[in-house]
Each structure stands twice: as structure tokens, then as C-alpha cells.
Amino acid sequence: MPAVRASAGKEKATTDDGGTPGGAKRRRAGRPSAAVLDLAGITQAALDLIGNKGYDGLTMAALARTLDVAPSALYNHVESKHDVLVLVEDHLMSLVDVSGFESGPWEDAVRTWAWSYRDAFAAHTPLIPVIAVLPVTDAPRTLLMYEVVSTGFRDAGIPEARIVPAIVALESFIFGSAYDVTAPADIFDSGNMAGSTPGFTAAVRSLAEEQHERPADVAFSLGLEALIAGIGALRG
């Protein structure tokens, strides 16, 4: 709406009903009287709520409060907390890069997919225990991701009966590695027990002295390459 310019020291005349002399009602400044709901907004609010309160803090009542709407308005868009989780799952899976499976070597495609998958969930670790066991039923973006990946595995020569187990093996590693990204830097500090654990303490010290990447990235790269080699050996 274009701004209305008024001369200094003068006020625009209004009628008793808050309108202008021309009859048009003046719009109040500030937020609209009712929040505009859509699925994208519900998804983001759910992610924010989980980020602030943890998964247990995600309830339909809390989500409605976060969105500043009545619960009945929320239920016009989603029927249950499960529906909200499917929205969240689809959003996170849409951040996973599967473009490598459309062209290029299978190994590079798996690397791109796995790294982007880990990074997406490293930013939302409270959701990992939930999403890891959430059925993919009626989750279009999630199913599209699995379709592209499984097709890429099949085209690379992975036996069909081994495609899903291979994906699950990679996902198990990815989810665990997402937690590792947020681990404290001194997680392997032996403290006062360093003298009685010389082998482990030396290995930890050696890692700190030699590597220039984050320890979580070093570990992820090492494990991922091992999985790629092992799964790749299944190709006919």
C-alpha cells in the first residue's frame, strides 16, 4: 500500500468510523489481526519449537501458540502431530543433495548425498531419533529422495535386494555422524586417566597434531569411504 504523505503540522481528516472523508476505511498499522497459516510456516515453526524446547516440546498446543493461532486453525491444515513430523521430515530431506546420481560416478554421488544428509541433520539433532524411525508413507519429498538414490544404486550395479540395506547402513552412519558434529572438542580428553590409557591418549594427541580439519569431518570421511568401498564391492 503506498505511503500517504502529509504536510508537517497537519493531520489527515477522518470520519467517525476511522475512514477517510472519501469513505475508505483506514488500515491499522502493525500485525494483521489473524496469522496467515500455510504448510511452510507450520514446518518452520515446528523446527523452531524443537530447536528451542526439544522434541518433547513439540505439541499441537505449543505449535499453535508459536504460530499465534487457535488450535482449531492449525487443525485446518494438519490433523495430528504425525502430520507435522511428516512435513518436517520432507523439509529436511529436501535439503539432501541427490543431484550427483543423475550424472557422474556413483562414488561421487554417494559422497555428495551423504555429506549433505549429515549436514542437514547436524543442524537438527533432536529430530534424529524421531525421523530415523518415522515411516516414509505419504512423504513426497522423502520418497523422491529415496527413489533417486535407489535408482542410482541400481544403475551402478548394486543388486536390488541389497539396495535398501545399503541405504540403511549409510543412514545409520550418517545419523550417528550428525551427532558427532556437535560433540565437544575435548570429548576424548582422558583427564586424570591419561597415564593409565597411554595408547588411546597418544592417538588422541596425534589426531590433534596432524589433522587440519574438524575431527568430526575426518571421522566421517574415513567411515564414508569405507562404506562406499564395501557397498561398491557388491556391484555385479
C-alpha atoms as a PDB file:
ATOM      1  CA  MET A   1       0.000   0.000   0.000  1.00  0.00           C
ATOM      2  CA  PRO A   2       1.616   3.380  -0.976  1.00  0.00           C
ATOM      3  CA  ALA A   3       2.595   5.602   1.916  1.00  0.00           C
ATOM      4  CA  VAL A   4       0.419   8.700   2.443  1.00  0.00           C
ATOM      5  CA  ARG A   5       2.432  11.901   2.679  1.00  0.00           C
ATOM      6  CA  ALA A   6       1.068  14.624   4.968  1.00  0.00           C
ATOM      7  CA  SER A   7       2.289  18.176   5.379  1.00  0.00           C
ATOM      8  CA  ALA A   8       4.076  18.937   8.634  1.00  0.00           C
ATOM      9  CA  GLY A   9       1.741  20.078  11.387  1.00  0.00           C
ATOM     10  CA  LYS A  10      -1.381  18.859   9.565  1.00  0.00           C
ATOM     11  CA  GLU A  11      -3.424  15.684  10.198  1.00  0.00           C
ATOM     12  CA  LYS A  12      -5.485  13.864   7.606  1.00  0.00           C
ATOM     13  CA  ALA A  13      -9.169  14.182   8.375  1.00  0.00           C
ATOM     14  CA  THR A  14     -11.054  11.028   9.273  1.00  0.00           C
ATOM     15  CA  THR A  15     -14.668  10.088   9.706  1.00  0.00           C
ATOM     16  CA  ASP A  16     -16.162   8.697  12.918  1.00  0.00           C
ATOM     17  CA  ASP A  17     -15.705   5.100  11.718  1.00  0.00           C
ATOM     18  CA  GLY A  18     -11.941   5.541  11.244  1.00  0.00           C
ATOM     19  CA  GLY A  19     -12.187   6.013   7.498  1.00  0.00           C
ATOM     20  CA  THR A  20     -11.094   8.890   5.316  1.00  0.00           C
ATOM     21  CA  PRO A  21     -13.505  11.511   4.036  1.00  0.00           C
ATOM     22  CA  GLY A  22     -13.677   9.543   0.799  1.00  0.00           C
ATOM     23  CA  GLY A  23     -15.255   6.625   2.637  1.00  0.00           C
ATOM     24  CA  ALA A  24     -12.346   4.116   2.609  1.00  0.00           C
ATOM     25  CA  LYS A  25     -11.524   2.639   5.984  1.00  0.00           C
ATOM     26  CA  ARG A  26      -8.020   3.220   7.231  1.00  0.00           C
ATOM     27  CA  ARG A  27      -5.912   0.063   7.764  1.00  0.00           C
ATOM     28  CA  ARG A  28      -4.417  -0.280  11.201  1.00  0.00           C
ATOM     29  CA  ALA A  29      -0.651  -0.375  11.464  1.00  0.00           C
ATOM     30  CA  GLY A  30       1.149  -3.434  12.776  1.00  0.00           C
ATOM     31  CA  ARG A  31       0.430  -7.147  12.517  1.00  0.00           C
ATOM     32  CA  PRO A  32      -2.731  -8.448  10.858  1.00  0.00           C
ATOM     33  CA  SER A  33      -5.453  -9.487  13.299  1.00  0.00           C
ATOM     34  CA  ALA A  34      -5.037 -13.150  12.343  1.00  0.00           C
ATOM     35  CA  ALA A  35      -1.894 -15.024  11.368  1.00  0.00           C
ATOM     36  CA  VAL A  36      -1.778 -16.357   7.831  1.00  0.00           C
ATOM     37  CA  LEU A  37      -1.132 -20.108   8.003  1.00  0.00           C
ATOM     38  CA  ASP A  38       0.449 -22.311   5.392  1.00  0.00           C
ATOM     39  CA  LEU A  39       2.355 -25.581   5.458  1.00  0.00           C
ATOM     40  CA  ALA A  40       5.740 -23.892   5.065  1.00  0.00           C
ATOM     41  CA  GLY A  41       5.053 -21.678   8.069  1.00  0.00           C
ATOM     42  CA  ILE A  42       3.892 -24.630  10.155  1.00  0.00           C
ATOM     43  CA  THR A  43       7.021 -26.565   9.221  1.00  0.00           C
ATOM     44  CA  GLN A  44       9.366 -23.727  10.174  1.00  0.00           C
ATOM     45  CA  ALA A  45       7.532 -23.094  13.429  1.00  0.00           C
ATOM     46  CA  ALA A  46       7.830 -26.782  14.308  1.00  0.00           C
ATOM     47  CA  LEU A  47      11.571 -26.720  13.585  1.00  0.00           C
ATOM     48  CA  ASP A  48      11.995 -23.595  15.721  1.00  0.00           C
ATOM     49  CA  LEU A  49       9.981 -25.104  18.559  1.00  0.00           C
ATOM     50  CA  ILE A  50      12.013 -28.310  18.557  1.00  0.00           C
ATOM     51  CA  GLY A  51      15.231 -26.312  18.386  1.00  0.00           C
ATOM     52  CA  ASN A  52      14.237 -24.302  21.457  1.00  0.00           C
ATOM     53  CA  LYS A  53      12.346 -26.879  23.518  1.00  0.00           C
ATOM     54  CA  GLY A  54      13.479 -30.259  22.175  1.00  0.00           C
ATOM     55  CA  TYR A  55      11.258 -32.871  20.587  1.00  0.00           C
ATOM     56  CA  ASP A  56       9.128 -33.279  23.728  1.00  0.00           C
ATOM     57  CA  GLY A  57       8.276 -29.606  23.456  1.00  0.00           C
ATOM     58  CA  LEU A  58       6.535 -30.152  20.125  1.00  0.00           C
ATOM     59  CA  THR A  59       2.844 -30.434  20.879  1.00  0.00           C
ATOM     60  CA  MET A  60      -0.065 -29.201  18.830  1.00  0.00           C
ATOM     61  CA  ALA A  61      -0.982 -26.713  21.565  1.00  0.00           C
ATOM     62  CA  ALA A  62       2.580 -25.360  21.750  1.00  0.00           C
ATOM     63  CA  LEU A  63       2.780 -25.171  17.966  1.00  0.00           C
ATOM     64  CA  ALA A  64      -0.449 -23.173  17.827  1.00  0.00           C
ATOM     65  CA  ARG A  65       0.911 -20.770  20.441  1.00  0.00           C
ATOM     66  CA  THR A  66       4.144 -20.383  18.490  1.00  0.00           C
ATOM     67  CA  LEU A  67       2.154 -19.550  15.369  1.00  0.00           C
ATOM     68  CA  ASP A  68      -0.138 -17.244  17.376  1.00  0.00           C
ATOM     69  CA  VAL A  69      -3.270 -19.018  16.173  1.00  0.00           C
ATOM     70  CA  ALA A  70      -6.049 -21.002  17.761  1.00  0.00           C
ATOM     71  CA  PRO A  71      -5.538 -24.786  17.720  1.00  0.00           C
ATOM     72  CA  SER A  72      -8.618 -25.083  15.522  1.00  0.00           C
ATOM     73  CA  ALA A  73      -6.878 -23.009  12.848  1.00  0.00           C
ATOM     74  CA  LEU A  74      -3.872 -25.317  12.979  1.00  0.00           C
ATOM     75  CA  TYR A  75      -6.085 -28.379  12.585  1.00  0.00           C
ATOM     76  CA  ASN A  76      -7.437 -26.927   9.347  1.00  0.00           C
ATOM     77  CA  HIS A  77      -4.014 -27.696   7.832  1.00  0.00           C
ATOM     78  CA  VAL A  78      -2.710 -30.742   9.724  1.00  0.00           C
ATOM     79  CA  GLU A  79      -4.665 -33.423  11.524  1.00  0.00           C
ATOM     80  CA  SER A  80      -2.083 -34.514  14.068  1.00  0.00           C
ATOM     81  CA  LYS A  81       1.469 -34.234  15.355  1.00  0.00           C
ATOM     82  CA  HIS A  82       2.353 -37.065  12.989  1.00  0.00           C
ATOM     83  CA  ASP A  83       1.339 -34.885  10.040  1.00  0.00           C
ATOM     84  CA  VAL A  84       3.612 -32.130  11.361  1.00  0.00           C
ATOM     85  CA  LEU A  85       6.510 -34.574  11.614  1.00  0.00           C
ATOM     86  CA  VAL A  86       5.957 -35.669   8.023  1.00  0.00           C
ATOM     87  CA  LEU A  87       6.193 -32.015   6.968  1.00  0.00           C
ATOM     88  CA  VAL A  88       9.417 -31.637   8.938  1.00  0.00           C
ATOM     89  CA  GLU A  89      10.817 -34.870   7.509  1.00  0.00           C
ATOM     90  CA  ASP A  90      10.025 -33.759   3.971  1.00  0.00           C
ATOM     91  CA  HIS A  91      11.626 -30.375   4.556  1.00  0.00           C
ATOM     92  CA  LEU A  92      14.871 -31.855   5.876  1.00  0.00           C
ATOM     93  CA  MET A  93      15.050 -34.455   3.109  1.00  0.00           C
ATOM     94  CA  SER A  94      14.579 -31.714   0.521  1.00  0.00           C
ATOM     95  CA  LEU A  95      17.907 -30.291   1.743  1.00  0.00           C
ATOM     96  CA  VAL A  96      19.722 -33.517   0.877  1.00  0.00           C
ATOM     97  CA  ASP A  97      21.594 -33.245  -2.435  1.00  0.00           C
ATOM     98  CA  VAL A  98      20.836 -36.154  -4.768  1.00  0.00           C
ATOM     99  CA  SER A  99      21.855 -34.382  -7.964  1.00  0.00           C
ATOM    100  CA  GLY A 100      25.017 -36.475  -8.313  1.00  0.00           C
ATOM    101  CA  PHE A 101      23.028 -39.607  -9.075  1.00  0.00           C
ATOM    102  CA  GLU A 102      21.775 -38.076 -12.312  1.00  0.00           C
ATOM    103  CA  SER A 103      25.273 -37.987 -13.810  1.00  0.00           C
ATOM    104  CA  GLY A 104      28.831 -38.761 -12.850  1.00  0.00           C
ATOM    105  CA  PRO A 105      30.440 -41.638 -10.939  1.00  0.00           C
ATOM    106  CA  TRP A 106      28.349 -43.481  -8.343  1.00  0.00           C
ATOM    107  CA  GLU A 107      31.014 -42.981  -5.670  1.00  0.00           C
ATOM    108  CA  ASP A 108      30.934 -39.201  -6.072  1.00  0.00           C
ATOM    109  CA  ALA A 109      27.145 -39.207  -5.973  1.00  0.00           C
ATOM    110  CA  VAL A 110      27.143 -41.123  -2.692  1.00  0.00           C
ATOM    111  CA  ARG A 111      29.682 -38.704  -1.224  1.00  0.00           C
ATOM    112  CA  THR A 112      27.618 -35.647  -2.175  1.00  0.00           C
ATOM    113  CA  TRP A 113      24.431 -37.248  -0.869  1.00  0.00           C
ATOM    114  CA  ALA A 114      25.967 -38.418   2.401  1.00  0.00           C
ATOM    115  CA  TRP A 115      27.742 -35.167   3.266  1.00  0.00           C
ATOM    116  CA  SER A 116      24.646 -33.050   2.585  1.00  0.00           C
ATOM    117  CA  TYR A 117      22.499 -35.551   4.523  1.00  0.00           C
ATOM    118  CA  ARG A 118      24.806 -35.353   7.536  1.00  0.00           C
ATOM    119  CA  ASP A 119      24.927 -31.563   7.472  1.00  0.00           C
ATOM    120  CA  ALA A 120      21.137 -31.254   7.241  1.00  0.00           C
ATOM    121  CA  PHE A 121      20.624 -33.355  10.359  1.00  0.00           C
ATOM    122  CA  ALA A 122      23.627 -31.981  12.258  1.00  0.00           C
ATOM    123  CA  ALA A 123      21.609 -28.758  12.441  1.00  0.00           C
ATOM    124  CA  HIS A 124      18.591 -30.616  13.864  1.00  0.00           C
ATOM    125  CA  THR A 125      19.932 -33.406  16.071  1.00  0.00           C
ATOM    126  CA  PRO A 126      16.857 -33.515  18.383  1.00  0.00           C
ATOM    127  CA  LEU A 127      14.913 -34.843  15.401  1.00  0.00           C
ATOM    128  CA  ILE A 128      17.245 -37.724  14.575  1.00  0.00           C
ATOM    129  CA  PRO A 129      15.678 -40.321  16.944  1.00  0.00           C
ATOM    130  CA  VAL A 130      12.261 -39.439  15.523  1.00  0.00           C
ATOM    131  CA  ILE A 131      12.992 -39.118  11.801  1.00  0.00           C
ATOM    132  CA  ALA A 132      15.233 -42.204  11.789  1.00  0.00           C
ATOM    133  CA  VAL A 133      12.222 -44.418  12.577  1.00  0.00           C
ATOM    134  CA  LEU A 134       9.427 -42.365  11.019  1.00  0.00           C
ATOM    135  CA  PRO A 135       7.631 -44.204   8.189  1.00  0.00           C
ATOM    136  CA  VAL A 136       8.031 -42.502   4.829  1.00  0.00           C
ATOM    137  CA  THR A 137       4.381 -43.093   3.930  1.00  0.00           C
ATOM    138  CA  ASP A 138       2.804 -40.070   2.213  1.00  0.00           C
ATOM    139  CA  ALA A 139       6.012 -38.019   2.438  1.00  0.00           C
ATOM    140  CA  PRO A 140       6.542 -36.945  -1.200  1.00  0.00           C
ATOM    141  CA  ARG A 141       9.934 -35.266  -0.942  1.00  0.00           C
ATOM    142  CA  THR A 142      11.328 -38.042   1.212  1.00  0.00           C
ATOM    143  CA  LEU A 143      10.099 -40.703  -1.180  1.00  0.00           C
ATOM    144  CA  LEU A 144      11.520 -38.769  -4.128  1.00  0.00           C
ATOM    145  CA  MET A 145      14.910 -38.695  -2.419  1.00  0.00           C
ATOM    146  CA  TYR A 146      14.836 -42.462  -1.899  1.00  0.00           C
ATOM    147  CA  GLU A 147      13.660 -43.014  -5.459  1.00  0.00           C
ATOM    148  CA  VAL A 148      16.600 -41.091  -6.918  1.00  0.00           C
ATOM    149  CA  VAL A 149      19.128 -42.771  -4.605  1.00  0.00           C
ATOM    150  CA  SER A 150      17.815 -46.301  -5.106  1.00  0.00           C
ATOM    151  CA  THR A 151      17.731 -45.813  -8.873  1.00  0.00           C
ATOM    152  CA  GLY A 152      21.314 -44.592  -8.748  1.00  0.00           C
ATOM    153  CA  PHE A 153      22.342 -47.658  -6.750  1.00  0.00           C
ATOM    154  CA  ARG A 154      20.572 -49.975  -9.176  1.00  0.00           C
ATOM    155  CA  ASP A 155      22.117 -48.290 -12.200  1.00  0.00           C
ATOM    156  CA  ALA A 156      25.538 -48.647 -10.570  1.00  0.00           C
ATOM    157  CA  GLY A 157      25.051 -52.414 -10.389  1.00  0.00           C
ATOM    158  CA  ILE A 158      24.118 -52.860  -6.729  1.00  0.00           C
ATOM    159  CA  PRO A 159      21.896 -55.979  -6.504  1.00  0.00           C
ATOM    160  CA  GLU A 160      18.298 -54.933  -5.971  1.00  0.00           C
ATOM    161  CA  ALA A 161      17.944 -56.968  -2.776  1.00  0.00           C
ATOM    162  CA  ARG A 162      20.932 -55.109  -1.300  1.00  0.00           C
ATOM    163  CA  ILE A 163      19.897 -51.553  -2.180  1.00  0.00           C
ATOM    164  CA  VAL A 164      17.719 -50.817   0.862  1.00  0.00           C
ATOM    165  CA  PRO A 165      20.133 -52.498   3.336  1.00  0.00           C
ATOM    166  CA  ALA A 166      22.959 -50.444   1.823  1.00  0.00           C
ATOM    167  CA  ILE A 167      20.995 -47.215   2.192  1.00  0.00           C
ATOM    168  CA  VAL A 168      20.077 -48.097   5.797  1.00  0.00           C
ATOM    169  CA  ALA A 169      23.723 -48.865   6.601  1.00  0.00           C
ATOM    170  CA  LEU A 170      24.751 -45.479   5.221  1.00  0.00           C
ATOM    171  CA  GLU A 171      21.928 -43.676   7.023  1.00  0.00           C
ATOM    172  CA  SER A 172      22.838 -45.299  10.355  1.00  0.00           C
ATOM    173  CA  PHE A 173      26.361 -43.969   9.939  1.00  0.00           C
ATOM    174  CA  ILE A 174      25.114 -40.561   8.774  1.00  0.00           C
ATOM    175  CA  PHE A 175      22.791 -40.072  11.751  1.00  0.00           C
ATOM    176  CA  GLY A 176      25.487 -41.016  14.232  1.00  0.00           C
ATOM    177  CA  SER A 177      27.951 -38.717  12.494  1.00  0.00           C
ATOM    178  CA  ALA A 178      25.477 -35.838  12.661  1.00  0.00           C
ATOM    179  CA  TYR A 179      25.633 -36.093  16.451  1.00  0.00           C
ATOM    180  CA  ASP A 180      29.425 -36.121  16.289  1.00  0.00           C
ATOM    181  CA  VAL A 181      29.421 -32.714  14.576  1.00  0.00           C
ATOM    182  CA  THR A 182      28.016 -31.158  17.753  1.00  0.00           C
ATOM    183  CA  ALA A 183      30.274 -33.070  20.171  1.00  0.00           C
ATOM    184  CA  PRO A 184      32.581 -31.000  22.413  1.00  0.00           C
ATOM    185  CA  ALA A 185      36.166 -30.603  21.240  1.00  0.00           C
ATOM    186  CA  ASP A 186      37.504 -32.325  24.383  1.00  0.00           C
ATOM    187  CA  ILE A 187      35.203 -35.333  24.180  1.00  0.00           C
ATOM    188  CA  PHE A 188      38.176 -37.744  24.143  1.00  0.00           C
ATOM    189  CA  ASP A 189      40.232 -35.991  26.822  1.00  0.00           C
ATOM    190  CA  SER A 190      41.405 -38.693  29.238  1.00  0.00           C
ATOM    191  CA  GLY A 191      41.926 -36.216  32.035  1.00  0.00           C
ATOM    192  CA  ASN A 192      43.480 -37.781  35.142  1.00  0.00           C
ATOM    193  CA  MET A 193      43.309 -41.213  33.489  1.00  0.00           C
ATOM    194  CA  ALA A 194      45.787 -40.290  30.738  1.00  0.00           C
ATOM    195  CA  GLY A 195      48.599 -42.205  32.432  1.00  0.00           C
ATOM    196  CA  SER A 196      46.622 -45.425  32.553  1.00  0.00           C
ATOM    197  CA  THR A 197      45.396 -45.113  28.932  1.00  0.00           C
ATOM    198  CA  PRO A 198      48.628 -44.254  27.105  1.00  0.00           C
ATOM    199  CA  GLY A 199      47.659 -45.803  23.758  1.00  0.00           C
ATOM    200  CA  PHE A 200      44.366 -44.002  23.491  1.00  0.00           C
ATOM    201  CA  THR A 201      45.775 -40.751  24.832  1.00  0.00           C
ATOM    202  CA  ALA A 202      48.610 -40.829  22.281  1.00  0.00           C
ATOM    203  CA  ALA A 203      46.155 -41.485  19.454  1.00  0.00           C
ATOM    204  CA  VAL A 204      44.022 -38.528  20.508  1.00  0.00           C
ATOM    205  CA  ARG A 205      47.071 -36.282  20.725  1.00  0.00           C
ATOM    206  CA  SER A 206      48.296 -37.439  17.322  1.00  0.00           C
ATOM    207  CA  LEU A 207      44.962 -36.606  15.732  1.00  0.00           C
ATOM    208  CA  ALA A 208      45.042 -33.112  17.201  1.00  0.00           C
ATOM    209  CA  GLU A 209      48.599 -32.526  15.980  1.00  0.00           C
ATOM    210  CA  GLU A 210      48.255 -33.837  12.425  1.00  0.00           C
ATOM    211  CA  GLN A 211      44.806 -33.005  11.158  1.00  0.00           C
ATOM    212  CA  HIS A 212      43.713 -29.585   9.918  1.00  0.00           C
ATOM    213  CA  GLU A 213      40.029 -30.443   9.542  1.00  0.00           C
ATOM    214  CA  ARG A 214      37.390 -30.815  12.203  1.00  0.00           C
ATOM    215  CA  PRO A 215      37.726 -34.204  13.925  1.00  0.00           C
ATOM    216  CA  ALA A 216      34.095 -34.930  13.047  1.00  0.00           C
ATOM    217  CA  ASP A 217      34.836 -34.378   9.348  1.00  0.00           C
ATOM    218  CA  VAL A 218      37.930 -36.584   9.471  1.00  0.00           C
ATOM    219  CA  ALA A 219      35.972 -39.402  11.084  1.00  0.00           C
ATOM    220  CA  PHE A 220      33.049 -39.007   8.686  1.00  0.00           C
ATOM    221  CA  SER A 221      35.282 -39.075   5.621  1.00  0.00           C
ATOM    222  CA  LEU A 222      37.091 -42.166   6.858  1.00  0.00           C
ATOM    223  CA  GLY A 223      33.922 -44.087   7.639  1.00  0.00           C
ATOM    224  CA  LEU A 224      32.130 -42.993   4.481  1.00  0.00           C
ATOM    225  CA  GLU A 225      34.974 -44.101   2.229  1.00  0.00           C
ATOM    226  CA  ALA A 226      34.997 -47.494   3.942  1.00  0.00           C
ATOM    227  CA  LEU A 227      31.249 -47.868   3.381  1.00  0.00           C
ATOM    228  CA  ILE A 228      31.484 -46.779  -0.244  1.00  0.00           C
ATOM    229  CA  ALA A 229      34.227 -49.335  -0.851  1.00  0.00           C
ATOM    230  CA  GLY A 230      32.298 -52.103   0.884  1.00  0.00           C
ATOM    231  CA  ILE A 231      28.980 -51.397  -0.824  1.00  0.00           C
ATOM    232  CA  GLY A 232      30.713 -50.853  -4.131  1.00  0.00           C
ATOM    233  CA  ALA A 233      32.169 -54.345  -3.891  1.00  0.00           C
ATOM    234  CA  LEU A 234      28.603 -55.680  -4.235  1.00  0.00           C
ATOM    235  CA  ARG A 235      28.292 -54.400  -7.781  1.00  0.00           C
ATOM    236  CA  GLY A 236      27.907 -57.048 -10.403  1.00  0.00           C
END
